[in-house]
Amino acid sequence: MLEKRRRLVIWRHGRTAWNLEHRFQGQTDVQLDAVGVKQAEAAAGLLVALRPQVIVSSDLSRAFDTASALAVRCGLTVGTDVRLRETNGGAWEGLRREDLMRDHAELYQQWLAGRQIRPGGDGEDRREVGARVAAAIDDVLESTGPGRTAVVVTHGGAARAVLAPLLNRPFDQISFFGVMRNAAWSVLLENEGGNDPWQLLEYNARSLPEPAEADD
């Protein structure tokens, strides 16, 4: 019997110079560095095995270029959606971690702890990010057929923030998930019934899911 459940891959972009410098990237359009390009190519070489039907990316170049590495291998065109952008970091964008710890220590530590604050004072909190990314994914899935795979290419914070709405979990549980590595992905499989719409097969992975035996 053919698998009719859809698969969703949430893929973080490859490395940028700002990632390496520990700068708060946010929605600033920073390109992949040479390592990031190689990471995207290596990841695409694995993800092509999932035979994606659709690939949709944040419109920021680091995500779009990562998505393009896979699209070329699949013969697909990358769609873009601004709702897949990273968290708006407000005045924090471009600042190094050491700057934030020196000048905004209390708020930054709350941010790192997963509290619902607005970075930079006027940025987005994680609930807002999760809601808009989830809405974008809903639209992507409308064009994904039974048994097919959709790949959504986004950013580290956005990839974590969307897990609560996707997995139907309280938002404060997101702190259990570690920071996504560059060019890593999560793989979710539709549930066949019950209250939980998705199963999380892989998180922060650079390998593909393998069939599992019974869990008894």
N, C-alpha and C. Protein backbone atom coordinates (compact mmCIF):
# COMPACT_ATOMS: atom_id res chain seq x y z
N MET A 1 0.84 -1.20 0.00
CA MET A 1 0.00 0.00 0.00
C MET A 1 0.87 1.25 0.00
N LEU A 2 0.55 2.18 -0.89
CA LEU A 2 1.36 3.38 -1.01
C LEU A 2 1.12 4.31 0.17
N GLU A 3 2.19 4.94 0.62
CA GLU A 3 2.08 5.93 1.70
C GLU A 3 1.32 7.15 1.19
N LYS A 4 0.25 7.50 1.86
CA LYS A 4 -0.55 8.66 1.43
C LYS A 4 -0.32 9.88 2.31
N ARG A 5 0.43 9.70 3.39
CA ARG A 5 0.70 10.83 4.26
C ARG A 5 1.76 11.75 3.65
N ARG A 6 1.53 13.03 3.77
CA ARG A 6 2.51 13.97 3.25
C ARG A 6 3.67 14.14 4.24
N ARG A 7 4.80 14.55 3.68
CA ARG A 7 6.00 14.78 4.47
C ARG A 7 6.39 16.25 4.33
N LEU A 8 6.81 16.84 5.43
CA LEU A 8 7.22 18.24 5.45
C LEU A 8 8.65 18.34 5.94
N VAL A 9 9.49 18.99 5.17
CA VAL A 9 10.88 19.24 5.55
C VAL A 9 11.03 20.73 5.82
N ILE A 10 11.50 21.07 7.00
CA ILE A 10 11.79 22.46 7.36
C ILE A 10 13.32 22.57 7.43
N TRP A 11 13.89 23.34 6.52
CA TRP A 11 15.33 23.34 6.28
C TRP A 11 15.90 24.73 6.57
N ARG A 12 16.91 24.78 7.41
CA ARG A 12 17.59 26.05 7.68
C ARG A 12 18.66 26.31 6.63
N HIS A 13 18.86 27.57 6.31
CA HIS A 13 19.87 27.97 5.32
C HIS A 13 21.28 27.63 5.79
N GLY A 14 22.22 27.65 4.85
CA GLY A 14 23.62 27.45 5.16
C GLY A 14 24.24 28.66 5.86
N ARG A 15 25.51 28.53 6.19
CA ARG A 15 26.19 29.53 7.01
C ARG A 15 26.40 30.84 6.27
N THR A 16 26.37 31.93 7.02
CA THR A 16 26.73 33.25 6.52
C THR A 16 27.88 33.81 7.35
N ALA A 17 28.47 34.89 6.87
CA ALA A 17 29.53 35.55 7.65
C ALA A 17 28.99 36.04 8.99
N TRP A 18 27.75 36.49 9.02
CA TRP A 18 27.17 36.97 10.28
C TRP A 18 26.95 35.82 11.26
N ASN A 19 26.62 34.63 10.76
CA ASN A 19 26.54 33.47 11.64
C ASN A 19 27.90 33.23 12.29
N LEU A 20 28.94 33.29 11.49
CA LEU A 20 30.29 33.03 11.98
C LEU A 20 30.71 34.09 13.00
N GLU A 21 30.26 35.32 12.80
CA GLU A 21 30.62 36.43 13.69
C GLU A 21 29.67 36.57 14.87
N HIS A 22 28.68 35.68 14.96
CA HIS A 22 27.69 35.70 16.04
C HIS A 22 26.95 37.03 16.10
N ARG A 23 26.54 37.51 14.92
CA ARG A 23 25.73 38.71 14.85
C ARG A 23 24.24 38.32 14.81
N PHE A 24 23.39 39.16 15.38
CA PHE A 24 21.95 38.95 15.32
C PHE A 24 21.51 39.29 13.89
N GLN A 25 21.13 38.27 13.14
CA GLN A 25 20.91 38.44 11.72
C GLN A 25 19.52 38.98 11.39
N GLY A 26 18.50 38.38 12.00
CA GLY A 26 17.14 38.85 11.77
C GLY A 26 16.77 38.85 10.30
N GLN A 27 16.15 39.93 9.86
CA GLN A 27 15.68 40.02 8.48
C GLN A 27 16.65 40.78 7.58
N THR A 28 17.84 41.09 8.09
CA THR A 28 18.87 41.67 7.24
C THR A 28 19.28 40.64 6.19
N ASP A 29 19.42 41.07 4.95
CA ASP A 29 19.67 40.13 3.85
C ASP A 29 21.17 39.88 3.71
N VAL A 30 21.65 38.87 4.41
CA VAL A 30 23.07 38.50 4.40
C VAL A 30 23.23 37.23 3.57
N GLN A 31 24.18 37.21 2.66
CA GLN A 31 24.36 36.08 1.76
C GLN A 31 25.12 34.93 2.42
N LEU A 32 24.99 33.76 1.83
CA LEU A 32 25.80 32.61 2.24
C LEU A 32 27.27 32.91 2.05
N ASP A 33 28.10 32.42 2.98
CA ASP A 33 29.54 32.47 2.73
C ASP A 33 29.96 31.20 1.99
N ALA A 34 31.25 31.03 1.73
CA ALA A 34 31.71 29.89 0.95
C ALA A 34 31.36 28.57 1.63
N VAL A 35 31.48 28.53 2.96
CA VAL A 35 31.11 27.32 3.70
C VAL A 35 29.62 27.07 3.58
N GLY A 36 28.82 28.13 3.66
CA GLY A 36 27.38 27.98 3.55
C GLY A 36 26.94 27.42 2.20
N VAL A 37 27.62 27.84 1.14
CA VAL A 37 27.32 27.31 -0.19
C VAL A 37 27.59 25.81 -0.23
N LYS A 38 28.72 25.40 0.34
CA LYS A 38 29.06 23.97 0.36
C LYS A 38 28.07 23.19 1.22
N GLN A 39 27.65 23.78 2.35
CA GLN A 39 26.66 23.11 3.19
C GLN A 39 25.35 22.90 2.45
N ALA A 40 24.92 23.91 1.72
CA ALA A 40 23.66 23.80 0.97
C ALA A 40 23.76 22.71 -0.08
N GLU A 41 24.88 22.66 -0.78
CA GLU A 41 25.06 21.64 -1.81
C GLU A 41 25.07 20.24 -1.22
N ALA A 42 25.77 20.07 -0.10
CA ALA A 42 25.84 18.76 0.54
C ALA A 42 24.46 18.31 1.02
N ALA A 43 23.72 19.22 1.63
CA ALA A 43 22.38 18.89 2.11
C ALA A 43 21.46 18.56 0.95
N ALA A 44 21.55 19.33 -0.12
CA ALA A 44 20.71 19.07 -1.30
C ALA A 44 20.97 17.69 -1.87
N GLY A 45 22.22 17.23 -1.80
CA GLY A 45 22.55 15.91 -2.30
C GLY A 45 21.84 14.80 -1.56
N LEU A 46 21.47 15.06 -0.30
CA LEU A 46 20.69 14.09 0.48
C LEU A 46 19.19 14.29 0.30
N LEU A 47 18.74 15.52 0.40
CA LEU A 47 17.30 15.80 0.37
C LEU A 47 16.65 15.46 -0.97
N VAL A 48 17.45 15.44 -2.03
CA VAL A 48 16.87 15.09 -3.34
C VAL A 48 16.26 13.70 -3.31
N ALA A 49 16.74 12.82 -2.41
CA ALA A 49 16.22 11.46 -2.31
C ALA A 49 14.76 11.43 -1.85
N LEU A 50 14.29 12.52 -1.21
CA LEU A 50 12.89 12.60 -0.77
C LEU A 50 11.95 13.00 -1.89
N ARG A 51 12.51 13.32 -3.04
CA ARG A 51 11.72 13.65 -4.24
C ARG A 51 10.67 14.72 -3.94
N PRO A 52 11.12 15.90 -3.57
CA PRO A 52 10.16 16.96 -3.24
C PRO A 52 9.24 17.29 -4.42
N GLN A 53 8.00 17.60 -4.08
CA GLN A 53 7.05 18.07 -5.09
C GLN A 53 7.08 19.59 -5.19
N VAL A 54 7.36 20.23 -4.06
CA VAL A 54 7.35 21.69 -4.02
C VAL A 54 8.44 22.17 -3.07
N ILE A 55 9.10 23.27 -3.44
CA ILE A 55 10.12 23.91 -2.60
C ILE A 55 9.77 25.38 -2.50
N VAL A 56 9.58 25.83 -1.27
CA VAL A 56 9.24 27.24 -1.03
C VAL A 56 10.21 27.79 0.01
N SER A 57 10.68 29.01 -0.24
CA SER A 57 11.75 29.59 0.59
C SER A 57 11.38 30.98 1.06
N SER A 58 11.97 31.37 2.16
CA SER A 58 12.06 32.79 2.51
C SER A 58 12.66 33.53 1.33
N ASP A 59 12.28 34.79 1.17
CA ASP A 59 12.83 35.57 0.06
C ASP A 59 14.22 36.12 0.34
N LEU A 60 14.72 35.96 1.56
CA LEU A 60 16.07 36.43 1.86
C LEU A 60 17.09 35.53 1.16
N SER A 61 18.17 36.12 0.65
CA SER A 61 19.05 35.42 -0.27
C SER A 61 19.70 34.18 0.35
N ARG A 62 20.01 34.20 1.64
CA ARG A 62 20.67 33.04 2.24
C ARG A 62 19.77 31.82 2.21
N ALA A 63 18.46 32.02 2.36
CA ALA A 63 17.52 30.91 2.28
C ALA A 63 17.23 30.54 0.82
N PHE A 64 17.02 31.55 -0.02
CA PHE A 64 16.71 31.27 -1.43
C PHE A 64 17.84 30.53 -2.11
N ASP A 65 19.09 30.93 -1.86
CA ASP A 65 20.22 30.26 -2.50
C ASP A 65 20.38 28.83 -1.98
N THR A 66 20.07 28.61 -0.71
CA THR A 66 20.07 27.25 -0.17
C THR A 66 19.02 26.41 -0.87
N ALA A 67 17.81 26.95 -0.99
CA ALA A 67 16.73 26.23 -1.67
C ALA A 67 17.07 25.94 -3.12
N SER A 68 17.74 26.87 -3.77
CA SER A 68 18.07 26.71 -5.19
C SER A 68 19.00 25.53 -5.43
N ALA A 69 19.88 25.25 -4.46
CA ALA A 69 20.78 24.10 -4.61
C ALA A 69 20.00 22.80 -4.73
N LEU A 70 18.88 22.70 -4.03
CA LEU A 70 18.02 21.52 -4.13
C LEU A 70 17.14 21.57 -5.36
N ALA A 71 16.60 22.74 -5.66
CA ALA A 71 15.69 22.86 -6.79
C ALA A 71 16.35 22.46 -8.10
N VAL A 72 17.61 22.82 -8.28
CA VAL A 72 18.34 22.45 -9.49
C VAL A 72 18.40 20.94 -9.65
N ARG A 73 18.63 20.25 -8.54
CA ARG A 73 18.72 18.78 -8.59
C ARG A 73 17.37 18.13 -8.86
N CYS A 74 16.29 18.81 -8.45
CA CYS A 74 14.95 18.23 -8.58
C CYS A 74 14.22 18.68 -9.84
N GLY A 75 14.78 19.64 -10.55
CA GLY A 75 14.09 20.19 -11.72
C GLY A 75 12.88 21.02 -11.33
N LEU A 76 12.94 21.68 -10.19
CA LEU A 76 11.84 22.48 -9.69
C LEU A 76 12.22 23.96 -9.65
N THR A 77 11.21 24.81 -9.54
CA THR A 77 11.40 26.24 -9.35
C THR A 77 11.14 26.56 -7.89
N VAL A 78 11.97 27.41 -7.30
CA VAL A 78 11.77 27.80 -5.91
C VAL A 78 10.71 28.89 -5.82
N GLY A 79 9.66 28.63 -5.04
CA GLY A 79 8.72 29.68 -4.71
C GLY A 79 9.22 30.46 -3.51
N THR A 80 8.79 31.70 -3.36
CA THR A 80 9.21 32.49 -2.21
C THR A 80 8.00 33.01 -1.45
N ASP A 81 8.18 33.20 -0.15
CA ASP A 81 7.12 33.71 0.71
C ASP A 81 7.78 34.53 1.81
N VAL A 82 7.44 35.80 1.91
CA VAL A 82 8.06 36.67 2.92
C VAL A 82 7.72 36.22 4.33
N ARG A 83 6.65 35.44 4.50
CA ARG A 83 6.27 34.96 5.83
C ARG A 83 7.26 33.95 6.38
N LEU A 84 8.14 33.44 5.54
CA LEU A 84 9.16 32.49 5.97
C LEU A 84 10.46 33.17 6.41
N ARG A 85 10.44 34.48 6.46
CA ARG A 85 11.64 35.20 6.91
C ARG A 85 11.94 34.92 8.38
N GLU A 86 13.18 35.25 8.75
CA GLU A 86 13.60 35.15 10.14
C GLU A 86 12.88 36.20 10.99
N THR A 87 12.99 36.05 12.29
CA THR A 87 12.45 37.01 13.25
C THR A 87 12.95 38.42 12.94
N ASN A 88 12.03 39.37 12.96
CA ASN A 88 12.44 40.77 12.89
C ASN A 88 13.12 41.12 14.20
N GLY A 89 14.40 41.42 14.14
CA GLY A 89 15.18 41.68 15.35
C GLY A 89 15.26 43.13 15.76
N GLY A 90 14.54 44.01 15.07
CA GLY A 90 14.55 45.41 15.44
C GLY A 90 15.96 45.98 15.51
N ALA A 91 16.23 46.75 16.54
CA ALA A 91 17.51 47.44 16.68
C ALA A 91 18.66 46.49 16.97
N TRP A 92 18.37 45.23 17.27
CA TRP A 92 19.45 44.28 17.55
C TRP A 92 20.13 43.75 16.29
N GLU A 93 19.51 43.91 15.15
CA GLU A 93 20.07 43.32 13.93
C GLU A 93 21.44 43.91 13.62
N GLY A 94 22.37 43.03 13.36
CA GLY A 94 23.75 43.43 13.07
C GLY A 94 24.65 43.47 14.28
N LEU A 95 24.07 43.42 15.50
CA LEU A 95 24.89 43.47 16.71
C LEU A 95 25.48 42.10 17.02
N ARG A 96 26.71 42.09 17.50
CA ARG A 96 27.36 40.86 17.91
C ARG A 96 26.82 40.40 19.27
N ARG A 97 26.99 39.11 19.55
CA ARG A 97 26.53 38.55 20.82
C ARG A 97 27.15 39.30 22.00
N GLU A 98 28.44 39.63 21.89
CA GLU A 98 29.10 40.32 23.01
C GLU A 98 28.54 41.73 23.21
N ASP A 99 28.10 42.38 22.09
CA ASP A 99 27.48 43.70 22.22
C ASP A 99 26.16 43.58 22.96
N LEU A 100 25.38 42.56 22.62
CA LEU A 100 24.08 42.37 23.25
C LEU A 100 24.23 42.04 24.74
N MET A 101 25.22 41.22 25.06
CA MET A 101 25.44 40.87 26.45
C MET A 101 25.94 42.07 27.26
N ARG A 102 26.63 42.98 26.62
CA ARG A 102 27.14 44.16 27.31
C ARG A 102 26.06 45.24 27.47
N ASP A 103 25.33 45.50 26.40
CA ASP A 103 24.44 46.66 26.38
C ASP A 103 22.97 46.31 26.64
N HIS A 104 22.59 45.05 26.46
CA HIS A 104 21.18 44.66 26.61
C HIS A 104 21.10 43.34 27.36
N ALA A 105 21.93 43.18 28.38
CA ALA A 105 22.12 41.87 29.01
C ALA A 105 20.82 41.25 29.51
N GLU A 106 20.02 42.00 30.23
CA GLU A 106 18.81 41.41 30.84
C GLU A 106 17.83 40.93 29.78
N LEU A 107 17.54 41.77 28.81
CA LEU A 107 16.59 41.39 27.76
C LEU A 107 17.15 40.26 26.89
N TYR A 108 18.44 40.35 26.59
CA TYR A 108 19.03 39.31 25.74
C TYR A 108 19.03 37.96 26.43
N GLN A 109 19.30 37.93 27.71
CA GLN A 109 19.27 36.66 28.45
C GLN A 109 17.85 36.09 28.49
N GLN A 110 16.86 36.98 28.59
CA GLN A 110 15.47 36.52 28.53
C GLN A 110 15.16 35.94 27.16
N TRP A 111 15.68 36.58 26.13
CA TRP A 111 15.48 36.08 24.77
C TRP A 111 16.10 34.69 24.62
N LEU A 112 17.32 34.53 25.08
CA LEU A 112 18.00 33.24 24.98
C LEU A 112 17.26 32.16 25.77
N ALA A 113 16.59 32.55 26.84
CA ALA A 113 15.85 31.60 27.66
C ALA A 113 14.49 31.25 27.08
N GLY A 114 14.14 31.87 25.95
CA GLY A 114 12.88 31.55 25.30
C GLY A 114 11.70 32.37 25.76
N ARG A 115 11.94 33.45 26.50
CA ARG A 115 10.84 34.29 26.97
C ARG A 115 10.23 35.06 25.79
N GLN A 116 8.98 35.46 25.97
CA GLN A 116 8.27 36.17 24.91
C GLN A 116 8.56 37.67 24.99
N ILE A 117 9.70 38.06 24.47
CA ILE A 117 10.06 39.48 24.42
C ILE A 117 10.25 39.87 22.96
N ARG A 118 10.26 41.17 22.73
CA ARG A 118 10.49 41.69 21.38
C ARG A 118 11.96 42.09 21.26
N PRO A 119 12.74 41.38 20.46
CA PRO A 119 14.16 41.72 20.34
C PRO A 119 14.32 43.14 19.79
N GLY A 120 15.28 43.84 20.35
CA GLY A 120 15.51 45.21 19.91
C GLY A 120 14.43 46.17 20.34
N GLY A 121 13.46 45.70 21.13
CA GLY A 121 12.39 46.56 21.60
C GLY A 121 11.21 46.66 20.67
N ASP A 122 11.46 46.55 19.36
CA ASP A 122 10.37 46.70 18.39
C ASP A 122 10.33 45.56 17.39
N GLY A 123 11.00 44.46 17.72
CA GLY A 123 10.97 43.29 16.82
C GLY A 123 9.76 42.41 17.09
N GLU A 124 9.84 41.17 16.60
CA GLU A 124 8.73 40.22 16.76
C GLU A 124 9.02 39.25 17.90
N ASP A 125 7.97 38.90 18.65
CA ASP A 125 8.18 37.82 19.60
C ASP A 125 7.99 36.48 18.89
N ARG A 126 8.37 35.41 19.54
CA ARG A 126 8.41 34.11 18.88
C ARG A 126 7.02 33.59 18.51
N ARG A 127 6.00 33.96 19.27
CA ARG A 127 4.65 33.53 18.91
C ARG A 127 4.24 34.11 17.57
N GLU A 128 4.56 35.38 17.36
CA GLU A 128 4.22 36.03 16.09
C GLU A 128 4.95 35.35 14.93
N VAL A 129 6.21 35.05 15.16
CA VAL A 129 6.99 34.37 14.11
C VAL A 129 6.40 33.00 13.80
N GLY A 130 6.11 32.22 14.86
CA GLY A 130 5.54 30.90 14.66
C GLY A 130 4.22 30.93 13.90
N ALA A 131 3.38 31.92 14.21
CA ALA A 131 2.07 32.02 13.56
C ALA A 131 2.21 32.32 12.07
N ARG A 132 3.10 33.25 11.72
CA ARG A 132 3.20 33.59 10.29
C ARG A 132 3.87 32.49 9.49
N VAL A 133 4.87 31.82 10.09
CA VAL A 133 5.52 30.72 9.38
C VAL A 133 4.54 29.56 9.20
N ALA A 134 3.74 29.28 10.22
CA ALA A 134 2.74 28.21 10.12
C ALA A 134 1.72 28.52 9.03
N ALA A 135 1.31 29.79 8.91
CA ALA A 135 0.36 30.17 7.86
C ALA A 135 0.97 29.96 6.48
N ALA A 136 2.25 30.28 6.34
CA ALA A 136 2.92 30.05 5.05
C ALA A 136 2.99 28.56 4.73
N ILE A 137 3.28 27.75 5.74
CA ILE A 137 3.36 26.30 5.52
C ILE A 137 2.00 25.73 5.13
N ASP A 138 0.94 26.23 5.74
CA ASP A 138 -0.41 25.79 5.36
C ASP A 138 -0.64 26.00 3.87
N ASP A 139 -0.21 27.13 3.35
CA ASP A 139 -0.38 27.40 1.92
C ASP A 139 0.48 26.48 1.07
N VAL A 140 1.70 26.19 1.54
CA VAL A 140 2.57 25.26 0.81
C VAL A 140 1.92 23.88 0.72
N LEU A 141 1.33 23.44 1.80
CA LEU A 141 0.75 22.10 1.84
C LEU A 141 -0.48 21.97 0.95
N GLU A 142 -1.12 23.08 0.63
CA GLU A 142 -2.27 23.03 -0.27
C GLU A 142 -1.86 22.56 -1.67
N SER A 143 -0.59 22.76 -2.01
CA SER A 143 -0.11 22.33 -3.33
C SER A 143 0.75 21.07 -3.24
N THR A 144 0.65 20.36 -2.12
CA THR A 144 1.42 19.13 -1.92
C THR A 144 0.45 17.95 -1.90
N GLY A 145 0.63 17.04 -2.83
CA GLY A 145 -0.30 15.93 -2.96
C GLY A 145 -0.08 14.82 -1.94
N PRO A 146 -1.03 13.90 -1.83
CA PRO A 146 -0.90 12.76 -0.91
C PRO A 146 0.39 11.99 -1.16
N GLY A 147 1.08 11.66 -0.09
CA GLY A 147 2.30 10.88 -0.21
C GLY A 147 3.51 11.65 -0.72
N ARG A 148 3.37 12.97 -0.91
CA ARG A 148 4.46 13.76 -1.47
C ARG A 148 5.16 14.58 -0.38
N THR A 149 6.27 15.19 -0.75
CA THR A 149 7.11 15.94 0.18
C THR A 149 7.16 17.41 -0.20
N ALA A 150 6.98 18.26 0.80
CA ALA A 150 7.17 19.71 0.63
C ALA A 150 8.40 20.12 1.41
N VAL A 151 9.24 20.94 0.82
CA VAL A 151 10.43 21.47 1.49
C VAL A 151 10.25 22.97 1.68
N VAL A 152 10.36 23.39 2.92
CA VAL A 152 10.25 24.81 3.28
C VAL A 152 11.62 25.25 3.79
N VAL A 153 12.18 26.27 3.16
CA VAL A 153 13.52 26.72 3.53
C VAL A 153 13.40 28.05 4.26
N THR A 154 13.89 28.07 5.49
CA THR A 154 13.69 29.23 6.34
C THR A 154 14.95 29.46 7.17
N HIS A 155 14.78 29.95 8.39
CA HIS A 155 15.88 30.41 9.23
C HIS A 155 15.82 29.73 10.59
N GLY A 156 16.89 29.82 11.35
CA GLY A 156 16.98 29.06 12.59
C GLY A 156 15.89 29.38 13.59
N GLY A 157 15.70 30.65 13.88
CA GLY A 157 14.67 31.03 14.84
C GLY A 157 13.28 30.72 14.34
N ALA A 158 13.03 30.97 13.07
CA ALA A 158 11.72 30.69 12.49
C ALA A 158 11.44 29.20 12.48
N ALA A 159 12.47 28.39 12.22
CA ALA A 159 12.29 26.94 12.18
C ALA A 159 11.92 26.37 13.53
N ARG A 160 12.43 26.97 14.60
CA ARG A 160 12.07 26.53 15.96
C ARG A 160 10.70 27.06 16.35
N ALA A 161 10.43 28.32 16.01
CA ALA A 161 9.20 28.95 16.46
C ALA A 161 7.96 28.27 15.89
N VAL A 162 8.07 27.70 14.69
CA VAL A 162 6.89 27.10 14.07
C VAL A 162 6.56 25.72 14.62
N LEU A 163 7.45 25.14 15.43
CA LEU A 163 7.19 23.79 15.92
C LEU A 163 5.99 23.73 16.86
N ALA A 164 5.78 24.76 17.67
CA ALA A 164 4.64 24.74 18.59
C ALA A 164 3.31 24.66 17.85
N PRO A 165 3.03 25.54 16.88
CA PRO A 165 1.76 25.41 16.17
C PRO A 165 1.67 24.13 15.33
N LEU A 166 2.78 23.71 14.75
CA LEU A 166 2.73 22.50 13.92
C LEU A 166 2.47 21.24 14.75
N LEU A 167 3.10 21.17 15.91
CA LEU A 167 3.00 19.98 16.75
C LEU A 167 1.90 20.09 17.81
N ASN A 168 1.17 21.21 17.75
CA ASN A 168 0.04 21.39 18.67
C ASN A 168 0.50 21.32 20.12
N ARG A 169 1.57 22.05 20.42
CA ARG A 169 2.15 22.04 21.75
C ARG A 169 2.19 23.46 22.33
N PRO A 170 2.19 23.59 23.66
CA PRO A 170 2.32 24.92 24.27
C PRO A 170 3.62 25.58 23.83
N PHE A 171 3.56 26.88 23.66
CA PHE A 171 4.71 27.55 23.09
C PHE A 171 5.92 27.52 24.00
N ASP A 172 5.70 27.44 25.32
CA ASP A 172 6.86 27.44 26.22
C ASP A 172 7.67 26.15 26.13
N GLN A 173 7.15 25.15 25.42
CA GLN A 173 7.91 23.91 25.26
C GLN A 173 8.98 24.00 24.18
N ILE A 174 8.96 25.07 23.42
CA ILE A 174 9.94 25.23 22.35
C ILE A 174 11.37 25.27 22.90
N SER A 175 11.53 25.70 24.14
CA SER A 175 12.87 25.78 24.72
C SER A 175 13.53 24.40 24.84
N PHE A 176 12.73 23.33 24.71
CA PHE A 176 13.31 21.99 24.73
C PHE A 176 14.10 21.69 23.46
N PHE A 177 13.84 22.43 22.40
CA PHE A 177 14.52 22.19 21.13
C PHE A 177 15.75 23.07 21.04
N GLY A 178 16.89 22.46 20.73
CA GLY A 178 18.12 23.21 20.58
C GLY A 178 18.12 24.06 19.34
N VAL A 179 19.08 24.98 19.27
CA VAL A 179 19.22 25.85 18.11
C VAL A 179 19.53 25.00 16.86
N MET A 180 18.85 25.31 15.77
CA MET A 180 19.08 24.58 14.52
C MET A 180 20.46 24.91 13.96
N ARG A 181 21.18 23.89 13.54
CA ARG A 181 22.47 24.10 12.89
C ARG A 181 22.26 24.62 11.47
N ASN A 182 23.26 25.29 10.95
CA ASN A 182 23.18 25.73 9.56
C ASN A 182 23.03 24.54 8.62
N ALA A 183 22.10 24.65 7.69
CA ALA A 183 21.83 23.64 6.66
C ALA A 183 21.27 22.34 7.22
N ALA A 184 20.85 22.35 8.48
CA ALA A 184 20.17 21.19 9.06
C ALA A 184 18.67 21.31 8.82
N TRP A 185 17.95 20.22 9.06
CA TRP A 185 16.51 20.22 8.77
C TRP A 185 15.75 19.38 9.78
N SER A 186 14.44 19.58 9.76
CA SER A 186 13.52 18.73 10.51
C SER A 186 12.57 18.08 9.50
N VAL A 187 12.20 16.84 9.77
CA VAL A 187 11.28 16.11 8.90
C VAL A 187 10.05 15.73 9.71
N LEU A 188 8.88 16.10 9.20
CA LEU A 188 7.62 15.78 9.86
C LEU A 188 6.76 14.95 8.92
N LEU A 189 6.02 14.02 9.50
CA LEU A 189 5.12 13.15 8.74
C LEU A 189 3.71 13.33 9.26
N GLU A 190 2.77 13.46 8.35
CA GLU A 190 1.37 13.62 8.76
C GLU A 190 0.90 12.44 9.60
N ASN A 191 0.16 12.75 10.65
CA ASN A 191 -0.47 11.71 11.44
C ASN A 191 -1.75 11.24 10.75
N GLU A 192 -2.10 10.00 10.98
CA GLU A 192 -3.29 9.44 10.35
C GLU A 192 -4.55 9.74 11.14
N GLY A 193 -4.42 10.18 12.36
CA GLY A 193 -5.59 10.50 13.17
C GLY A 193 -5.17 11.04 14.51
N GLY A 194 -6.15 11.37 15.34
CA GLY A 194 -5.85 11.90 16.66
C GLY A 194 -5.73 13.40 16.67
N ASN A 195 -5.30 13.93 17.82
CA ASN A 195 -5.23 15.37 17.99
C ASN A 195 -3.97 16.00 17.44
N ASP A 196 -2.94 15.20 17.25
CA ASP A 196 -1.66 15.73 16.79
C ASP A 196 -1.56 15.60 15.27
N PRO A 197 -1.44 16.72 14.57
CA PRO A 197 -1.44 16.65 13.10
C PRO A 197 -0.16 16.09 12.49
N TRP A 198 0.96 16.19 13.21
CA TRP A 198 2.24 15.78 12.65
C TRP A 198 3.04 14.94 13.64
N GLN A 199 3.87 14.04 13.11
CA GLN A 199 4.91 13.35 13.87
C GLN A 199 6.25 13.97 13.50
N LEU A 200 7.08 14.23 14.49
CA LEU A 200 8.43 14.75 14.24
C LEU A 200 9.38 13.57 14.11
N LEU A 201 9.81 13.30 12.87
CA LEU A 201 10.70 12.16 12.62
C LEU A 201 12.17 12.51 12.84
N GLU A 202 12.55 13.72 12.47
CA GLU A 202 13.93 14.16 12.59
C GLU A 202 13.93 15.62 13.03
N TYR A 203 14.88 15.99 13.89
CA TYR A 203 15.04 17.40 14.26
C TYR A 203 16.52 17.74 14.25
N ASN A 204 16.84 18.90 13.64
CA ASN A 204 18.23 19.38 13.61
C ASN A 204 19.14 18.33 12.98
N ALA A 205 18.64 17.71 11.92
CA ALA A 205 19.31 16.55 11.33
C ALA A 205 20.08 16.93 10.06
N ARG A 206 21.06 16.11 9.77
CA ARG A 206 21.73 16.17 8.46
C ARG A 206 21.75 14.78 7.85
N SER A 207 20.75 13.99 8.23
CA SER A 207 20.58 12.65 7.67
C SER A 207 19.09 12.46 7.41
N LEU A 208 18.75 11.44 6.65
CA LEU A 208 17.36 11.19 6.30
C LEU A 208 16.74 10.18 7.25
N PRO A 209 15.42 10.28 7.49
CA PRO A 209 14.76 9.33 8.37
C PRO A 209 14.84 7.91 7.82
N GLU A 210 15.02 6.95 8.70
CA GLU A 210 14.98 5.54 8.34
C GLU A 210 13.77 4.89 8.96
N PRO A 211 13.17 3.90 8.32
CA PRO A 211 11.99 3.25 8.90
C PRO A 211 12.33 2.70 10.28
N ALA A 212 11.41 2.91 11.22
CA ALA A 212 11.62 2.45 12.60
C ALA A 212 10.81 1.20 12.88
N GLU A 213 11.35 0.36 13.75
CA GLU A 213 10.62 -0.82 14.18
C GLU A 213 9.61 -0.40 15.25
N ALA A 214 8.82 -1.34 15.73
CA ALA A 214 7.87 -1.05 16.80
C ALA A 214 8.61 -0.54 18.02
N ASP A 215 7.93 0.28 18.84
CA ASP A 215 8.61 0.89 19.97
C ASP A 215 8.41 0.13 21.28
N ASP A 216 8.01 -1.14 21.21
CA ASP A 216 7.85 -1.93 22.44
C ASP A 216 9.12 -2.70 22.76
